[in-house]
Amino acid sequence: MKIALFCMLAIFSLAAEAGKVKIAAFNIQTLGKTKMGKQEVVAELVKILRRYDLTLIQEIRDSSGVAIQTLLDEVNKYEKIIRLDLGHSYSYAMILSDRLGRSSYKEQYAFFYRTDLFSVQGNYHYDDGDESAGEDSFIREPFVVKFKITATGKQFVLIPCHASPSYAVEETDALADVYDDATTRFGESNAILMGDFNADCSYISSSEWSYVRLWTQSRFNWVIGSNADTTTKSTNCAYDRLVLAGSRMQSDYVSGTAKVFRFDSEYGLSYDETTAVSDHYPVEMELYD
């Protein structure tokens, strides 16, 4: 029964709609061996991730690397399903950051991307200062990746950040510096800054937004607004964001497609089933390729 369900999902979540790609950021709360040991949770994660052509995954906790590799394997398990429209299958690859954090508590970022649609052109961990001297800007510094769309050759940069709640103002502000650094390094100004910025409610108050250059500077376009609720629990906060930069990125964005994906409503999950997957919803958008 489950195999049949996955096969149906693979068929109905086929290739990106012609001329478009779908991109998302998803904080999969405490992604480790315990979560990956829950078959029903993994099934929901696979459904969610196969919805997208390229996904930023945050809060990877497993130091062994087994959990995230297992998740990729599960996502790819049905890659041999024949695409009815084009007659070929597709699979996902992963690019994974170092383990990041100032203490023994560390996380990783990962990008899952379809290999028929994208290729990685470069990556680096943002140098945010001397961690030992307490001069670094981020607890989990961004892992900056440059991608190319295979069909058109267009290139763009993804800048992820899972901001510390205690330093959400400072870290979200510092993303403007990361963008400038990435533009210089890669010679590419078109970018998406993405992730769980903890950019709402008590972590960034209304009076603090004026200190956030990513918010005040007109070159940055926040397509997930402050009225969104990106949390699956009783809170109503727009923690997770997608921010566009660069003139071509602005024009390639498919207007109106940036939204919170409420997988509980889509898949008919109970509250307990939903929160077992994550305390966050994915945020998603589409680009013309």
Protein backbone atom coordinates (compact mmCIF):
# COMPACT_ATOMS: atom_id res chain seq x y z
CA MET A 1 0.00 0.00 0.00
CA LYS A 2 2.76 2.43 0.93
CA ILE A 3 4.71 1.59 -2.23
CA ALA A 4 1.63 2.31 -4.31
CA LEU A 5 1.12 5.59 -2.48
CA PHE A 6 4.70 6.68 -3.08
CA CYS A 7 4.43 5.69 -6.74
CA MET A 8 1.35 7.83 -7.11
CA LEU A 9 3.12 10.71 -5.40
CA ALA A 10 6.11 10.36 -7.67
CA ILE A 11 3.87 10.45 -10.72
CA PHE A 12 1.83 13.42 -9.57
CA SER A 13 4.86 15.40 -8.37
CA LEU A 14 6.68 15.01 -11.65
CA ALA A 15 8.93 17.47 -13.37
CA ALA A 16 8.88 21.15 -12.71
CA GLU A 17 6.11 22.82 -14.63
CA ALA A 18 7.50 23.70 -18.03
CA GLY A 19 9.55 26.86 -17.82
CA LYS A 20 9.45 27.09 -14.02
CA VAL A 21 11.33 25.71 -11.03
CA LYS A 22 10.02 25.44 -7.48
CA ILE A 23 12.33 26.33 -4.59
CA ALA A 24 11.74 26.01 -0.83
CA ALA A 25 13.29 26.42 2.60
CA PHE A 26 12.31 23.99 5.35
CA ASN A 27 13.42 23.83 8.97
CA ILE A 28 12.95 20.12 9.72
CA GLN A 29 13.02 20.35 13.48
CA THR A 30 15.84 18.31 15.05
CA LEU A 31 16.59 16.15 12.02
CA GLY A 32 18.50 13.16 13.32
CA LYS A 33 18.38 9.40 13.68
CA THR A 34 15.40 9.47 16.04
CA LYS A 35 13.21 11.33 13.56
CA MET A 36 14.44 9.21 10.65
CA GLY A 37 13.51 6.10 12.65
CA LYS A 38 9.83 7.05 12.51
CA GLN A 39 8.50 5.59 9.27
CA GLU A 40 5.34 7.67 9.23
CA VAL A 41 7.33 10.91 9.66
CA VAL A 42 9.78 9.97 6.92
CA ALA A 43 6.87 9.27 4.57
CA GLU A 44 5.57 12.81 5.08
CA LEU A 45 9.03 14.34 4.68
CA VAL A 46 9.49 12.52 1.37
CA LYS A 47 6.16 13.81 0.09
CA ILE A 48 7.08 17.35 1.06
CA LEU A 49 10.59 17.29 -0.39
CA ARG A 50 9.55 15.72 -3.68
CA ARG A 51 7.21 18.68 -4.15
CA TYR A 52 10.27 20.85 -4.83
CA ASP A 53 13.06 21.05 -7.37
CA LEU A 54 15.50 22.60 -4.88
CA THR A 55 15.12 22.70 -1.10
CA LEU A 56 17.15 24.20 1.72
CA ILE A 57 16.98 21.88 4.74
CA GLN A 58 17.86 23.30 8.16
CA GLU A 59 18.41 22.01 11.68
CA ILE A 60 20.29 18.85 10.73
CA ARG A 61 21.55 17.59 14.08
CA ASP A 62 23.01 14.12 13.43
CA SER A 63 26.80 14.32 13.76
CA SER A 64 27.31 11.04 11.89
CA GLY A 65 25.70 12.28 8.68
CA VAL A 66 23.56 9.16 8.49
CA ALA A 67 20.18 10.84 8.97
CA ILE A 68 20.43 13.33 6.11
CA GLN A 69 21.89 10.71 3.74
CA THR A 70 19.05 8.34 4.65
CA LEU A 71 16.54 11.09 3.92
CA LEU A 72 18.11 11.70 0.50
CA ASP A 73 18.02 7.97 -0.21
CA GLU A 74 14.33 7.84 0.69
CA VAL A 75 13.56 10.81 -1.54
CA ASN A 76 15.38 9.07 -4.40
CA LYS A 77 13.89 5.64 -3.78
CA TYR A 78 11.26 6.18 -6.44
CA GLU A 79 13.45 8.02 -8.94
CA LYS A 80 12.94 5.27 -11.51
CA ILE A 81 9.26 6.13 -11.88
CA ILE A 82 8.89 6.99 -15.54
CA ARG A 83 7.88 10.54 -16.23
CA LEU A 84 4.79 10.30 -18.35
CA ASP A 85 5.36 13.55 -20.21
CA LEU A 86 9.06 13.31 -21.12
CA GLY A 87 9.76 9.61 -20.69
CA HIS A 88 12.67 9.78 -18.24
CA SER A 89 13.26 9.61 -14.52
CA TYR A 90 14.98 12.11 -12.26
CA SER A 91 16.87 12.09 -9.00
CA TYR A 92 18.10 14.45 -6.31
CA ALA A 93 21.63 15.20 -5.15
CA MET A 94 22.75 16.95 -1.99
CA ILE A 95 25.32 19.54 -1.05
CA LEU A 96 25.96 19.64 2.70
CA SER A 97 27.60 22.24 4.92
CA ASP A 98 30.07 21.67 7.72
CA ARG A 99 28.69 21.26 11.22
CA LEU A 100 28.17 24.79 12.47
CA GLY A 101 27.84 26.31 15.94
CA ARG A 102 29.82 27.99 18.70
CA SER A 103 29.38 25.18 21.24
CA SER A 104 28.87 21.44 21.29
CA TYR A 105 25.40 22.11 19.87
CA LYS A 106 25.84 22.13 16.11
CA GLU A 107 23.67 22.05 13.02
CA GLN A 108 24.15 21.68 9.28
CA TYR A 109 22.51 23.09 6.19
CA ALA A 110 21.76 20.92 3.17
CA PHE A 111 20.40 21.61 -0.28
CA PHE A 112 18.53 18.83 -2.09
CA TYR A 113 18.35 19.59 -5.81
CA ARG A 114 17.20 17.83 -8.95
CA THR A 115 20.22 16.84 -11.00
CA ASP A 116 18.41 17.22 -14.32
CA LEU A 117 17.53 20.84 -13.54
CA PHE A 118 20.47 22.25 -11.56
CA SER A 119 24.21 22.00 -11.12
CA VAL A 120 26.38 23.45 -8.36
CA GLN A 121 28.85 26.07 -9.58
CA GLY A 122 30.54 26.89 -6.28
CA ASN A 123 30.08 27.11 -2.53
CA TYR A 124 31.71 28.45 0.62
CA HIS A 125 31.09 29.04 4.30
CA TYR A 126 30.83 32.75 5.00
CA ASP A 127 33.75 34.00 7.06
CA ASP A 128 31.96 35.96 9.77
CA GLY A 129 34.91 36.76 12.03
CA ASP A 130 36.97 35.17 14.79
CA GLU A 131 34.73 32.76 16.67
CA SER A 132 37.27 32.18 19.44
CA ALA A 133 37.37 35.90 20.16
CA GLY A 134 33.59 36.24 20.08
CA GLU A 135 33.76 38.44 16.99
CA ASP A 136 31.72 36.29 14.62
CA SER A 137 28.38 37.56 13.30
CA PHE A 138 26.47 34.26 13.19
CA ILE A 139 26.11 31.26 15.44
CA ARG A 140 25.54 29.17 12.29
CA GLU A 141 27.22 31.07 9.49
CA PRO A 142 25.59 30.90 6.04
CA PHE A 143 26.69 28.17 3.63
CA VAL A 144 26.56 30.05 0.34
CA VAL A 145 25.95 28.03 -2.85
CA LYS A 146 25.87 29.12 -6.48
CA PHE A 147 23.58 27.12 -8.77
CA LYS A 148 23.08 27.01 -12.52
CA ILE A 149 19.80 26.12 -14.22
CA THR A 150 20.73 23.51 -16.81
CA ALA A 151 18.10 24.41 -19.40
CA THR A 152 18.94 28.10 -19.70
CA GLY A 153 22.36 28.56 -18.11
CA LYS A 154 20.99 31.14 -15.68
CA GLN A 155 22.93 31.30 -12.43
CA PHE A 156 21.91 32.44 -8.98
CA VAL A 157 23.12 32.27 -5.38
CA LEU A 158 21.33 30.81 -2.37
CA ILE A 159 22.21 32.23 1.04
CA PRO A 160 20.77 30.19 3.93
CA CYS A 161 20.50 31.25 7.53
CA HIS A 162 19.01 29.60 10.59
CA ALA A 163 19.31 32.59 12.89
CA SER A 164 19.67 32.31 16.63
CA PRO A 165 16.49 33.56 18.35
CA SER A 166 18.67 35.50 20.80
CA TYR A 167 20.47 37.33 17.98
CA ALA A 168 17.79 37.44 15.29
CA VAL A 169 18.12 41.20 14.78
CA GLU A 170 21.90 41.14 14.45
CA GLU A 171 22.05 38.03 12.27
CA THR A 172 19.26 39.08 9.92
CA ASP A 173 20.93 42.48 9.56
CA ALA A 174 24.30 40.85 8.83
CA LEU A 175 22.81 38.92 5.91
CA ALA A 176 23.19 42.13 3.90
CA ASP A 177 26.96 41.75 4.35
CA VAL A 178 26.80 38.10 3.30
CA TYR A 179 24.97 39.09 0.13
CA ASP A 180 27.60 41.70 -0.72
CA ASP A 181 30.37 39.19 -0.07
CA ALA A 182 28.72 36.55 -2.27
CA THR A 183 28.23 39.07 -5.07
CA THR A 184 31.94 39.90 -4.96
CA ARG A 185 33.10 36.29 -4.77
CA PHE A 186 30.82 34.87 -7.43
CA GLY A 187 30.31 37.90 -9.65
CA GLU A 188 26.58 37.18 -9.41
CA SER A 189 24.05 39.57 -7.89
CA ASN A 190 20.93 37.44 -8.33
CA ALA A 191 20.24 35.65 -5.06
CA ILE A 192 17.69 34.31 -2.62
CA LEU A 193 18.36 34.78 1.09
CA MET A 194 16.34 32.10 2.80
CA GLY A 195 15.64 30.18 5.94
CA ASP A 196 14.41 30.39 9.50
CA PHE A 197 15.48 33.92 10.38
CA ASN A 198 13.34 33.89 13.56
CA ALA A 199 12.27 37.21 12.09
CA ASP A 200 9.05 37.95 13.94
CA CYS A 201 7.17 38.03 17.24
CA SER A 202 9.39 38.57 20.27
CA TYR A 203 12.66 37.90 18.42
CA ILE A 204 12.40 40.96 16.17
CA SER A 205 9.98 43.53 17.55
CA SER A 206 8.36 46.25 15.46
CA SER A 207 10.77 48.84 16.85
CA GLU A 208 13.83 46.79 15.87
CA TRP A 209 13.20 46.45 12.14
CA SER A 210 14.83 49.82 11.47
CA TYR A 211 18.15 48.23 12.51
CA VAL A 212 17.89 45.46 9.91
CA ARG A 213 19.46 46.50 6.59
CA LEU A 214 18.03 43.44 4.88
CA TRP A 215 14.63 44.95 5.64
CA THR A 216 15.27 48.68 5.17
CA GLN A 217 17.25 48.58 1.92
CA SER A 218 15.10 48.58 -1.21
CA ARG A 219 17.41 46.19 -3.06
CA PHE A 220 15.95 43.34 -0.98
CA ASN A 221 12.43 42.05 -1.66
CA TRP A 222 10.79 40.02 1.13
CA VAL A 223 8.31 37.80 -0.71
CA ILE A 224 7.24 36.02 2.50
CA GLY A 225 5.73 38.87 4.48
CA SER A 226 5.25 39.50 8.18
CA ASN A 227 1.59 38.46 8.02
CA ALA A 228 2.55 34.84 7.29
CA ASP A 229 2.44 32.12 9.92
CA THR A 230 5.26 29.66 9.27
CA THR A 231 4.82 27.67 12.48
CA THR A 232 2.80 24.48 12.92
CA LYS A 233 2.02 25.01 16.60
CA SER A 234 -0.15 27.58 18.39
CA THR A 235 2.22 30.48 17.70
CA ASN A 236 1.48 32.83 14.80
CA CYS A 237 4.89 34.04 13.64
CA ALA A 238 6.61 34.66 10.31
CA TYR A 239 9.93 33.15 11.30
CA ASP A 240 10.79 31.61 7.92
CA ARG A 241 11.46 33.95 5.00
CA LEU A 242 12.44 34.20 1.35
CA VAL A 243 14.19 37.41 0.31
CA LEU A 244 15.07 38.20 -3.32
CA ALA A 245 18.00 40.29 -4.53
CA GLY A 246 19.23 41.21 -8.01
CA SER A 247 17.29 42.61 -10.95
CA ARG A 248 16.99 39.34 -12.87
CA MET A 249 15.90 37.48 -9.75
CA GLN A 250 13.13 40.01 -9.27
CA SER A 251 11.91 39.59 -12.86
CA ASP A 252 12.28 35.78 -12.84
CA TYR A 253 10.18 35.43 -9.69
CA VAL A 254 6.72 34.14 -10.58
CA SER A 255 4.51 36.72 -8.92
CA GLY A 256 2.23 35.39 -6.20
CA THR A 257 3.89 31.99 -5.83
CA ALA A 258 5.72 32.71 -2.57
CA LYS A 259 3.73 31.12 0.23
CA VAL A 260 3.71 28.91 3.28
CA PHE A 261 3.05 25.26 2.38
CA ARG A 262 0.63 23.93 4.97
CA PHE A 263 1.35 20.26 4.59
CA ASP A 264 -1.08 19.33 7.35
CA SER A 265 -4.02 20.66 5.35
CA GLU A 266 -2.66 19.27 2.08
CA TYR A 267 -2.11 15.77 3.43
CA GLY A 268 -4.90 15.62 6.03
CA LEU A 269 -2.64 15.31 9.08
CA SER A 270 -3.67 15.68 12.69
CA TYR A 271 -1.95 18.17 14.99
CA ASP A 272 0.21 15.44 16.52
CA GLU A 273 1.15 14.03 13.11
CA THR A 274 2.04 17.51 11.87
CA THR A 275 4.22 18.51 14.81
CA ALA A 276 6.02 15.16 14.66
CA VAL A 277 7.26 16.27 11.23
CA SER A 278 8.32 19.78 12.30
CA ASP A 279 7.34 22.88 14.22
CA HIS A 280 7.80 24.82 10.96
CA TYR A 281 6.09 24.78 7.58
CA PRO A 282 8.18 25.06 4.41
CA VAL A 283 8.16 28.38 2.60
CA GLU A 284 8.18 28.10 -1.19
CA MET A 285 8.31 30.08 -4.42
CA GLU A 286 8.66 29.60 -8.17
CA LEU A 287 11.09 31.05 -10.69
CA TYR A 288 10.89 31.23 -14.45
CA ASP A 289 13.90 29.28 -15.60
